[in-house]
Amino acid sequence: MSRRLLRLEIPVLPDRKMFRVLDATADPDAPGSPVPIDGALVSSSREQLLVTSLQENVGVRLTIEEWDSAPPAFSDGYEDEAKCVLYLRGQLSVDMGTAGHAISGLRLAGGVGDYGVRVYARNRAEVVRLYGELFERDFDPLGDDFQRARKQLDGLEQYLLQLWREA
């Protein structure tokens, strides 16, 4: 039976409709880094996972879970799922591009090695729809009413990243 070792919830601001989950020592712009694939939830390379959002104007919520072995698959209202394997040197970072790091060097209990990764997402299209509706209202996009309404969308788009050390 799998046990969860770590659970961390953080706000993330997608940069150019994406954020990266990577080994803390990896260069996000190194040759061979993953590139966004139109419509895909993730794109990955050996040390990096690129998670794509459908928008870039609203903050998302990322939950990271480390498990001692592969957790049971589930849906729990998540609409999209993707899987990959990452090589991590015992530390994980979440890079938001021009906004900096949401996490820099989170220590993993599993240490150095290959990690199975599952990414789940929900409300990606819903946030795009709701954000578009803000422009249909009689709000000034630079005004306080618009900004308050936009802030209510922060965290509605959610990602769950589960990782575990591969045997």
N, C-alpha and C. Protein backbone atom coordinates (compact mmCIF):
# COMPACT_ATOMS: atom_id res chain seq x y z
N MET A 1 0.84 -1.18 0.00
CA MET A 1 0.00 0.00 0.00
C MET A 1 0.89 1.25 0.00
N SER A 2 0.52 2.20 -0.83
CA SER A 2 1.29 3.45 -0.95
C SER A 2 1.00 4.40 0.21
N ARG A 3 2.05 5.11 0.62
CA ARG A 3 1.89 6.15 1.65
C ARG A 3 2.36 7.48 1.07
N ARG A 4 1.60 8.53 1.38
CA ARG A 4 2.01 9.86 0.96
C ARG A 4 3.04 10.38 1.96
N LEU A 5 4.17 10.86 1.44
CA LEU A 5 5.26 11.35 2.27
C LEU A 5 5.26 12.87 2.41
N LEU A 6 4.70 13.54 1.42
CA LEU A 6 4.76 15.00 1.37
C LEU A 6 3.54 15.51 0.62
N ARG A 7 2.98 16.60 1.08
CA ARG A 7 1.90 17.29 0.35
C ARG A 7 2.13 18.79 0.53
N LEU A 8 2.20 19.50 -0.57
CA LEU A 8 2.46 20.93 -0.55
C LEU A 8 1.56 21.60 -1.58
N GLU A 9 0.82 22.62 -1.16
CA GLU A 9 -0.02 23.40 -2.06
C GLU A 9 0.59 24.79 -2.21
N ILE A 10 0.75 25.22 -3.48
CA ILE A 10 1.36 26.53 -3.73
C ILE A 10 0.64 27.24 -4.87
N PRO A 11 0.63 28.57 -4.83
CA PRO A 11 0.12 29.32 -5.98
C PRO A 11 1.21 29.43 -7.03
N VAL A 12 0.82 29.35 -8.29
CA VAL A 12 1.75 29.45 -9.41
C VAL A 12 1.13 30.37 -10.45
N LEU A 13 1.93 31.23 -11.04
CA LEU A 13 1.47 32.08 -12.13
C LEU A 13 2.09 31.58 -13.43
N PRO A 14 1.27 31.00 -14.32
CA PRO A 14 1.83 30.51 -15.58
C PRO A 14 2.45 31.65 -16.39
N ASP A 15 3.62 31.39 -16.93
CA ASP A 15 4.32 32.35 -17.78
C ASP A 15 4.22 31.83 -19.20
N ARG A 16 3.67 32.63 -20.08
CA ARG A 16 3.45 32.20 -21.47
C ARG A 16 2.67 30.89 -21.50
N LYS A 17 1.67 30.78 -20.62
CA LYS A 17 0.75 29.64 -20.53
C LYS A 17 1.44 28.36 -20.07
N MET A 18 2.48 28.47 -19.23
CA MET A 18 3.16 27.26 -18.77
C MET A 18 3.95 27.53 -17.50
N PHE A 19 4.28 26.43 -16.83
CA PHE A 19 5.27 26.46 -15.76
C PHE A 19 6.03 25.16 -15.82
N ARG A 20 7.23 25.14 -15.26
CA ARG A 20 8.09 23.96 -15.33
C ARG A 20 8.30 23.35 -13.96
N VAL A 21 8.32 22.04 -13.93
CA VAL A 21 8.69 21.27 -12.75
C VAL A 21 9.97 20.55 -13.16
N LEU A 22 11.04 20.76 -12.38
CA LEU A 22 12.31 20.25 -12.84
C LEU A 22 13.25 19.95 -11.69
N ASP A 23 14.30 19.21 -12.01
CA ASP A 23 15.38 18.99 -11.07
C ASP A 23 15.96 20.35 -10.68
N ALA A 24 16.25 20.53 -9.40
CA ALA A 24 16.70 21.83 -8.90
C ALA A 24 17.99 22.31 -9.57
N THR A 25 18.80 21.40 -10.11
CA THR A 25 20.05 21.80 -10.75
C THR A 25 19.92 21.95 -12.27
N ALA A 26 18.77 21.62 -12.82
CA ALA A 26 18.59 21.68 -14.28
C ALA A 26 18.39 23.12 -14.75
N ASP A 27 18.86 23.40 -15.95
CA ASP A 27 18.66 24.70 -16.58
C ASP A 27 17.39 24.61 -17.43
N PRO A 28 16.36 25.41 -17.11
CA PRO A 28 15.11 25.31 -17.86
C PRO A 28 15.25 25.64 -19.34
N ASP A 29 16.30 26.37 -19.71
CA ASP A 29 16.49 26.76 -21.11
C ASP A 29 17.59 25.97 -21.81
N ALA A 30 18.05 24.89 -21.20
CA ALA A 30 19.13 24.09 -21.80
C ALA A 30 18.65 23.42 -23.08
N PRO A 31 19.59 23.12 -23.99
CA PRO A 31 19.21 22.37 -25.19
C PRO A 31 18.54 21.05 -24.79
N GLY A 32 17.51 20.69 -25.51
CA GLY A 32 16.79 19.46 -25.21
C GLY A 32 15.66 19.64 -24.20
N SER A 33 15.46 20.88 -23.74
CA SER A 33 14.35 21.15 -22.81
C SER A 33 13.03 20.93 -23.55
N PRO A 34 12.00 20.54 -22.80
CA PRO A 34 10.70 20.30 -23.47
C PRO A 34 10.12 21.60 -24.01
N VAL A 35 9.37 21.48 -25.08
CA VAL A 35 8.68 22.62 -25.68
C VAL A 35 7.17 22.40 -25.55
N PRO A 36 6.41 23.48 -25.47
CA PRO A 36 4.96 23.31 -25.35
C PRO A 36 4.38 22.63 -26.59
N ILE A 37 3.45 21.75 -26.36
CA ILE A 37 2.74 21.08 -27.44
C ILE A 37 1.31 21.57 -27.39
N ASP A 38 0.84 22.16 -28.48
CA ASP A 38 -0.48 22.78 -28.51
C ASP A 38 -1.57 21.81 -28.05
N GLY A 39 -2.28 22.20 -27.00
CA GLY A 39 -3.40 21.41 -26.49
C GLY A 39 -3.02 20.32 -25.51
N ALA A 40 -1.73 19.98 -25.42
CA ALA A 40 -1.30 18.91 -24.51
C ALA A 40 -1.15 19.46 -23.09
N LEU A 41 -1.42 18.62 -22.12
CA LEU A 41 -1.27 19.01 -20.72
C LEU A 41 0.20 19.14 -20.33
N VAL A 42 1.03 18.21 -20.78
CA VAL A 42 2.45 18.24 -20.43
C VAL A 42 3.33 17.92 -21.63
N SER A 43 4.58 18.31 -21.49
CA SER A 43 5.66 17.93 -22.38
C SER A 43 6.84 17.70 -21.45
N SER A 44 7.64 16.68 -21.71
CA SER A 44 8.73 16.40 -20.77
C SER A 44 10.01 16.01 -21.47
N SER A 45 11.10 16.17 -20.73
CA SER A 45 12.41 15.68 -21.12
C SER A 45 12.92 14.87 -19.93
N ARG A 46 14.17 14.51 -19.94
CA ARG A 46 14.73 13.68 -18.88
C ARG A 46 14.63 14.33 -17.49
N GLU A 47 14.88 15.65 -17.40
CA GLU A 47 14.93 16.32 -16.10
C GLU A 47 13.86 17.39 -15.91
N GLN A 48 12.98 17.57 -16.90
CA GLN A 48 12.01 18.65 -16.82
C GLN A 48 10.63 18.22 -17.29
N LEU A 49 9.66 18.82 -16.65
CA LEU A 49 8.26 18.61 -17.03
C LEU A 49 7.67 20.00 -17.25
N LEU A 50 7.16 20.23 -18.43
CA LEU A 50 6.52 21.49 -18.76
C LEU A 50 5.01 21.27 -18.68
N VAL A 51 4.34 22.00 -17.80
CA VAL A 51 2.90 21.88 -17.62
C VAL A 51 2.26 23.07 -18.31
N THR A 52 1.31 22.82 -19.22
CA THR A 52 0.71 23.91 -19.97
C THR A 52 -0.68 24.24 -19.45
N SER A 53 -0.89 25.52 -19.32
CA SER A 53 -2.18 26.08 -18.95
C SER A 53 -2.82 26.58 -20.24
N LEU A 54 -4.11 26.85 -20.19
CA LEU A 54 -4.77 27.42 -21.36
C LEU A 54 -4.81 28.95 -21.28
N GLN A 55 -4.29 29.50 -20.20
CA GLN A 55 -4.31 30.95 -20.01
C GLN A 55 -3.02 31.38 -19.30
N GLU A 56 -2.84 32.69 -19.20
CA GLU A 56 -1.65 33.20 -18.54
C GLU A 56 -1.92 34.44 -17.69
N ASN A 57 -3.18 34.68 -17.40
CA ASN A 57 -3.55 35.90 -16.70
C ASN A 57 -4.04 35.68 -15.28
N VAL A 58 -4.22 34.44 -14.90
CA VAL A 58 -4.80 34.10 -13.61
C VAL A 58 -3.88 33.08 -12.93
N GLY A 59 -3.66 33.24 -11.64
CA GLY A 59 -2.85 32.29 -10.89
C GLY A 59 -3.55 30.95 -10.77
N VAL A 60 -2.76 29.88 -10.74
CA VAL A 60 -3.29 28.52 -10.59
C VAL A 60 -2.82 27.96 -9.25
N ARG A 61 -3.44 26.87 -8.83
CA ARG A 61 -3.01 26.20 -7.60
C ARG A 61 -2.36 24.87 -7.98
N LEU A 62 -1.16 24.66 -7.48
CA LEU A 62 -0.42 23.42 -7.73
C LEU A 62 -0.27 22.69 -6.41
N THR A 63 -0.67 21.43 -6.39
CA THR A 63 -0.46 20.56 -5.24
C THR A 63 0.57 19.51 -5.64
N ILE A 64 1.63 19.42 -4.86
CA ILE A 64 2.69 18.44 -5.11
C ILE A 64 2.61 17.39 -4.01
N GLU A 65 2.59 16.13 -4.42
CA GLU A 65 2.59 15.02 -3.46
C GLU A 65 3.73 14.07 -3.81
N GLU A 66 4.53 13.73 -2.80
CA GLU A 66 5.53 12.68 -2.98
C GLU A 66 5.00 11.44 -2.26
N TRP A 67 5.10 10.29 -2.93
CA TRP A 67 4.63 9.01 -2.39
C TRP A 67 5.80 8.04 -2.30
N ASP A 68 5.67 7.05 -1.43
CA ASP A 68 6.74 6.06 -1.30
C ASP A 68 6.70 5.01 -2.41
N SER A 69 5.58 4.89 -3.11
CA SER A 69 5.43 4.04 -4.30
C SER A 69 4.27 4.60 -5.10
N ALA A 70 4.01 4.02 -6.25
CA ALA A 70 2.96 4.56 -7.12
C ALA A 70 1.61 4.60 -6.40
N PRO A 71 1.01 5.78 -6.29
CA PRO A 71 -0.30 5.87 -5.64
C PRO A 71 -1.38 5.33 -6.58
N PRO A 72 -2.51 4.94 -6.02
CA PRO A 72 -3.59 4.47 -6.90
C PRO A 72 -4.08 5.62 -7.78
N ALA A 73 -4.38 5.32 -9.03
CA ALA A 73 -4.91 6.33 -9.94
C ALA A 73 -6.32 6.70 -9.51
N PHE A 74 -6.69 7.94 -9.74
CA PHE A 74 -8.03 8.39 -9.39
C PHE A 74 -8.40 9.57 -10.28
N SER A 75 -9.66 9.97 -10.24
CA SER A 75 -10.06 11.14 -11.02
C SER A 75 -10.46 12.29 -10.10
N ASP A 76 -11.32 12.08 -9.13
CA ASP A 76 -11.71 13.08 -8.14
C ASP A 76 -12.01 14.44 -8.76
N GLY A 77 -12.70 14.44 -9.89
CA GLY A 77 -13.08 15.69 -10.53
C GLY A 77 -12.03 16.28 -11.44
N TYR A 78 -10.88 15.65 -11.57
CA TYR A 78 -9.86 16.14 -12.49
C TYR A 78 -10.23 15.72 -13.90
N GLU A 79 -10.01 16.63 -14.85
CA GLU A 79 -10.45 16.43 -16.23
C GLU A 79 -9.37 15.87 -17.14
N ASP A 80 -8.12 16.19 -16.83
CA ASP A 80 -7.00 15.77 -17.68
C ASP A 80 -5.97 15.04 -16.84
N GLU A 81 -5.26 14.12 -17.49
CA GLU A 81 -4.20 13.37 -16.80
C GLU A 81 -3.07 13.12 -17.77
N ALA A 82 -1.84 13.19 -17.27
CA ALA A 82 -0.66 12.87 -18.07
C ALA A 82 0.36 12.19 -17.17
N LYS A 83 1.25 11.40 -17.79
CA LYS A 83 2.27 10.66 -17.04
C LYS A 83 3.62 10.84 -17.72
N CYS A 84 4.68 10.76 -16.91
CA CYS A 84 6.03 10.76 -17.46
C CYS A 84 6.98 10.24 -16.39
N VAL A 85 8.26 10.18 -16.72
CA VAL A 85 9.31 9.82 -15.78
C VAL A 85 10.33 10.95 -15.81
N LEU A 86 10.75 11.40 -14.61
CA LEU A 86 11.77 12.44 -14.49
C LEU A 86 12.94 11.91 -13.69
N TYR A 87 14.14 12.33 -14.06
CA TYR A 87 15.31 12.03 -13.27
C TYR A 87 15.56 13.24 -12.37
N LEU A 88 15.52 13.03 -11.06
CA LEU A 88 15.70 14.11 -10.09
C LEU A 88 16.86 13.77 -9.16
N ARG A 89 17.61 14.76 -8.79
CA ARG A 89 18.76 14.58 -7.89
C ARG A 89 18.38 14.89 -6.45
N GLY A 90 17.17 14.49 -6.06
CA GLY A 90 16.74 14.64 -4.68
C GLY A 90 16.10 15.96 -4.34
N GLN A 91 16.05 16.88 -5.33
CA GLN A 91 15.41 18.18 -5.10
C GLN A 91 14.61 18.58 -6.32
N LEU A 92 13.50 19.26 -6.04
CA LEU A 92 12.55 19.64 -7.08
C LEU A 92 12.34 21.15 -7.05
N SER A 93 12.24 21.75 -8.22
CA SER A 93 11.92 23.18 -8.32
C SER A 93 10.72 23.37 -9.23
N VAL A 94 9.99 24.45 -9.00
CA VAL A 94 8.89 24.86 -9.87
C VAL A 94 9.24 26.25 -10.39
N ASP A 95 9.45 26.35 -11.69
CA ASP A 95 9.90 27.57 -12.34
C ASP A 95 8.72 28.22 -13.06
N MET A 96 8.47 29.50 -12.75
CA MET A 96 7.37 30.25 -13.38
C MET A 96 7.91 31.20 -14.44
N GLY A 97 9.08 30.94 -14.98
CA GLY A 97 9.65 31.79 -16.03
C GLY A 97 10.02 33.16 -15.50
N THR A 98 9.47 34.20 -16.10
CA THR A 98 9.84 35.56 -15.73
C THR A 98 9.41 35.92 -14.31
N ALA A 99 8.46 35.19 -13.73
CA ALA A 99 8.01 35.44 -12.35
C ALA A 99 8.93 34.78 -11.32
N GLY A 100 9.92 34.01 -11.76
CA GLY A 100 10.85 33.36 -10.83
C GLY A 100 10.40 31.97 -10.43
N HIS A 101 10.88 31.52 -9.29
CA HIS A 101 10.57 30.17 -8.80
C HIS A 101 9.45 30.21 -7.77
N ALA A 102 8.48 29.32 -7.93
CA ALA A 102 7.47 29.13 -6.89
C ALA A 102 8.08 28.30 -5.78
N ILE A 103 8.94 27.36 -6.15
CA ILE A 103 9.69 26.52 -5.21
C ILE A 103 11.09 26.36 -5.79
N SER A 104 12.07 26.47 -4.94
CA SER A 104 13.44 26.29 -5.38
C SER A 104 14.13 25.28 -4.46
N GLY A 105 14.31 24.06 -4.93
CA GLY A 105 15.06 23.07 -4.17
C GLY A 105 14.28 22.36 -3.08
N LEU A 106 13.06 21.95 -3.34
CA LEU A 106 12.29 21.16 -2.38
C LEU A 106 12.94 19.79 -2.25
N ARG A 107 13.37 19.43 -1.05
CA ARG A 107 14.05 18.15 -0.82
C ARG A 107 13.05 17.00 -0.87
N LEU A 108 13.38 15.97 -1.63
CA LEU A 108 12.53 14.79 -1.79
C LEU A 108 13.06 13.64 -0.93
N ALA A 109 12.15 12.94 -0.28
CA ALA A 109 12.53 11.81 0.58
C ALA A 109 13.13 10.66 -0.23
N GLY A 110 12.73 10.54 -1.50
CA GLY A 110 13.20 9.44 -2.34
C GLY A 110 14.64 9.57 -2.81
N GLY A 111 15.24 10.73 -2.63
CA GLY A 111 16.63 10.92 -3.03
C GLY A 111 16.82 11.01 -4.53
N VAL A 112 17.99 10.59 -5.00
CA VAL A 112 18.37 10.69 -6.40
C VAL A 112 17.84 9.49 -7.18
N GLY A 113 17.29 9.75 -8.38
CA GLY A 113 16.87 8.66 -9.24
C GLY A 113 15.69 9.04 -10.12
N ASP A 114 15.15 8.01 -10.77
CA ASP A 114 13.98 8.19 -11.64
C ASP A 114 12.72 8.24 -10.80
N TYR A 115 11.84 9.18 -11.14
CA TYR A 115 10.56 9.35 -10.46
C TYR A 115 9.43 9.20 -11.46
N GLY A 116 8.47 8.36 -11.13
CA GLY A 116 7.23 8.33 -11.89
C GLY A 116 6.45 9.58 -11.52
N VAL A 117 5.80 10.17 -12.51
CA VAL A 117 5.04 11.41 -12.27
C VAL A 117 3.68 11.30 -12.95
N ARG A 118 2.65 11.66 -12.20
CA ARG A 118 1.31 11.83 -12.76
C ARG A 118 0.90 13.28 -12.53
N VAL A 119 0.35 13.89 -13.57
CA VAL A 119 -0.16 15.25 -13.46
C VAL A 119 -1.65 15.20 -13.78
N TYR A 120 -2.43 15.77 -12.90
CA TYR A 120 -3.88 15.89 -13.09
C TYR A 120 -4.21 17.38 -13.16
N ALA A 121 -5.23 17.73 -13.95
CA ALA A 121 -5.64 19.13 -14.06
C ALA A 121 -7.16 19.23 -14.08
N ARG A 122 -7.64 20.35 -13.53
CA ARG A 122 -9.06 20.63 -13.62
C ARG A 122 -9.30 22.13 -13.77
N ASN A 123 -10.39 22.45 -14.39
CA ASN A 123 -10.87 23.82 -14.60
C ASN A 123 -10.00 24.64 -15.54
N ARG A 124 -9.23 23.99 -16.40
CA ARG A 124 -8.41 24.76 -17.35
C ARG A 124 -9.29 25.55 -18.31
N ALA A 125 -10.20 24.90 -18.98
CA ALA A 125 -11.07 25.59 -19.95
C ALA A 125 -12.05 26.52 -19.24
N GLU A 126 -12.49 26.14 -18.06
CA GLU A 126 -13.45 26.97 -17.30
C GLU A 126 -12.86 28.33 -16.95
N VAL A 127 -11.61 28.38 -16.56
CA VAL A 127 -10.97 29.65 -16.22
C VAL A 127 -10.86 30.53 -17.46
N VAL A 128 -10.52 29.94 -18.59
CA VAL A 128 -10.44 30.72 -19.83
C VAL A 128 -11.81 31.32 -20.15
N ARG A 129 -12.85 30.52 -20.01
CA ARG A 129 -14.21 30.99 -20.28
C ARG A 129 -14.60 32.12 -19.33
N LEU A 130 -14.37 31.92 -18.03
CA LEU A 130 -14.74 32.93 -17.04
C LEU A 130 -13.93 34.22 -17.21
N TYR A 131 -12.67 34.09 -17.54
CA TYR A 131 -11.84 35.28 -17.75
C TYR A 131 -12.35 36.05 -18.97
N GLY A 132 -12.71 35.34 -20.02
CA GLY A 132 -13.28 35.99 -21.21
C GLY A 132 -14.57 36.72 -20.90
N GLU A 133 -15.38 36.14 -20.03
CA GLU A 133 -16.64 36.78 -19.65
C GLU A 133 -16.42 38.10 -18.91
N LEU A 134 -15.29 38.26 -18.24
CA LEU A 134 -15.00 39.53 -17.57
C LEU A 134 -14.97 40.68 -18.57
N PHE A 135 -14.52 40.42 -19.78
CA PHE A 135 -14.43 41.47 -20.79
C PHE A 135 -15.81 41.79 -21.38
N GLU A 136 -16.74 40.86 -21.22
CA GLU A 136 -18.10 41.11 -21.71
C GLU A 136 -18.90 41.96 -20.74
N ARG A 137 -18.47 42.04 -19.50
CA ARG A 137 -19.12 42.91 -18.52
C ARG A 137 -18.70 44.35 -18.80
N ASP A 138 -19.37 45.25 -18.16
CA ASP A 138 -19.07 46.65 -18.38
C ASP A 138 -18.01 47.13 -17.40
N PHE A 139 -16.86 46.40 -17.36
CA PHE A 139 -15.76 46.73 -16.47
C PHE A 139 -14.66 47.41 -17.27
N ASP A 140 -13.98 48.32 -16.63
CA ASP A 140 -12.75 48.87 -17.18
C ASP A 140 -11.65 47.87 -16.82
N PRO A 141 -10.96 47.28 -17.82
CA PRO A 141 -9.93 46.28 -17.51
C PRO A 141 -8.84 46.76 -16.56
N LEU A 142 -8.67 48.06 -16.44
CA LEU A 142 -7.67 48.60 -15.52
C LEU A 142 -8.29 49.04 -14.20
N GLY A 143 -9.61 48.89 -14.08
CA GLY A 143 -10.31 49.35 -12.89
C GLY A 143 -10.33 48.33 -11.76
N ASP A 144 -10.69 48.80 -10.59
CA ASP A 144 -10.73 47.97 -9.40
C ASP A 144 -11.74 46.83 -9.50
N ASP A 145 -12.92 47.08 -10.09
CA ASP A 145 -13.94 46.04 -10.20
C ASP A 145 -13.45 44.87 -11.03
N PHE A 146 -12.79 45.17 -12.14
CA PHE A 146 -12.24 44.12 -12.99
C PHE A 146 -11.18 43.34 -12.24
N GLN A 147 -10.28 44.05 -11.54
CA GLN A 147 -9.19 43.38 -10.82
C GLN A 147 -9.72 42.50 -9.69
N ARG A 148 -10.75 42.96 -8.98
CA ARG A 148 -11.36 42.13 -7.93
C ARG A 148 -11.97 40.87 -8.53
N ALA A 149 -12.69 41.01 -9.64
CA ALA A 149 -13.31 39.85 -10.29
C ALA A 149 -12.24 38.89 -10.81
N ARG A 150 -11.15 39.42 -11.35
CA ARG A 150 -10.06 38.56 -11.83
C ARG A 150 -9.42 37.81 -10.68
N LYS A 151 -9.20 38.47 -9.57
CA LYS A 151 -8.58 37.82 -8.41
C LYS A 151 -9.44 36.67 -7.87
N GLN A 152 -10.74 36.73 -8.06
CA GLN A 152 -11.61 35.64 -7.62
C GLN A 152 -11.37 34.38 -8.43
N LEU A 153 -10.77 34.52 -9.60
CA LEU A 153 -10.46 33.35 -10.43
C LEU A 153 -9.14 32.69 -10.03
N ASP A 154 -8.30 33.41 -9.26
CA ASP A 154 -7.01 32.82 -8.83
C ASP A 154 -7.24 31.52 -8.07
N GLY A 155 -6.54 30.48 -8.47
CA GLY A 155 -6.62 29.20 -7.78
C GLY A 155 -7.73 28.29 -8.26
N LEU A 156 -8.63 28.79 -9.12
CA LEU A 156 -9.70 27.94 -9.63
C LEU A 156 -9.14 26.85 -10.55
N GLU A 157 -8.15 27.22 -11.35
CA GLU A 157 -7.45 26.23 -12.19
C GLU A 157 -6.48 25.50 -11.28
N GLN A 158 -6.58 24.16 -11.25
CA GLN A 158 -5.82 23.37 -10.28
C GLN A 158 -5.05 22.24 -10.94
N TYR A 159 -3.87 22.00 -10.39
CA TYR A 159 -3.01 20.91 -10.85
C TYR A 159 -2.58 20.08 -9.65
N LEU A 160 -2.58 18.78 -9.83
CA LEU A 160 -2.06 17.85 -8.83
C LEU A 160 -0.92 17.10 -9.48
N LEU A 161 0.25 17.18 -8.86
CA LEU A 161 1.43 16.47 -9.34
C LEU A 161 1.80 15.43 -8.29
N GLN A 162 1.71 14.18 -8.67
CA GLN A 162 2.09 13.08 -7.78
C GLN A 162 3.38 12.47 -8.31
N LEU A 163 4.37 12.29 -7.42
CA LEU A 163 5.60 11.66 -7.85
C LEU A 163 6.06 10.64 -6.82
N TRP A 164 6.77 9.66 -7.31
CA TRP A 164 7.29 8.59 -6.47
C TRP A 164 8.55 8.04 -7.11
N ARG A 165 9.43 7.53 -6.29
CA ARG A 165 10.69 6.95 -6.77
C ARG A 165 10.40 5.63 -7.45
N GLU A 166 10.85 5.51 -8.67
CA GLU A 166 10.67 4.26 -9.44
C GLU A 166 11.60 3.19 -8.86
N ALA A 167 11.15 1.96 -8.90
CA ALA A 167 11.96 0.85 -8.35
C ALA A 167 13.14 0.56 -9.25
